[in-house]
């Protein structure tokens, strides 16, 4: 599944980018990152029909989502209210994940130049817009701000009414959902920012938007998958072992990788883990979430399509320090 709105929050989240998303580092333990979901792997006429069907099913949000959630200079954060805005977010995701990063698109995705899956129809889409970006002039078409950042948000109540959380394709969430059924959960995913905009301001706005959403929907905890680059777990033994031994989620929050996909994280004994070196090896996004108080599930999952090794992250809102909540809170 956050940006820092002031200097302290920004240093907490750091300045590194992973899979096109800038997330904070700043110091020792930090945490979570959102994960890119696979595209529908269906080709041909059926795939096109599925794509069109999913697009027709897209829900448009309630009035809250059309409201500006923050602004810094020419950049504004709000939630998409039109299908055309969601399509623009999908094009941005394709540009970052498939053209810039190492993800391999299906034929349908390559043809449409959009990163699309069935979850787009039921999620809310957070957008960062640049009102000062050069606009293409088209006859009889009003100029519109450029979509330069996006994040996909899936509330537990919405997931329950449809096909569940995306993370359930990699992790068994049943015990977690049984233990935390009284809490409102929010899954973060599909986050990316256009390369020229990977700066403090954009990160601040993303987190301001997420936190405004958390407050509006009374969210109790953030969940999602975070990624480490590479698909060889032995080469990732140090950071994986660090997360397992030093940041393992308590039992009631501990999702476990599906047996057929699980890769052990305790690849080194606890006493042999060099904490400083492990933190250096972690992606900035994961370090940023660690600092906020996130913890990690049991087992990692290899995502060959995106060339990553994924871990499951949980971040109860109550564990985020008051200092950071103050930075994230929207003005007014």
Foldseek 3Di string as FASTA:
>chain_A
DAAFQDDVLQLLFCQFDDLAAGTRFNDFFAADDAEAFAAPQDDDPVSVVVQVVLLVLADFDDPQQVDWLDDDVQKTKGWDRDSVVLQLLQLLLLCRQPVVAPFDHHPVCVVSSGRDHSVNRQWIKMFIWGNPPDFDDDPPDDTDTHTFWMKTKDKQVSLVVDVHDSCVVWWDCVLLCVLCVVFIEMEIHSIHGHVVPSDNVVRLNVRLHVLVVCVVVVHFKYKHKDWAAAQDVVVLQQLLLCLVPPFADPPSNAIETDPVFFDFSNSDDPVPRDSVVNSVRDGSNGRSRRSQPKHWHGGWGGDVSSRTIMIMIMGGPVSGDPVRSVRSHGDD
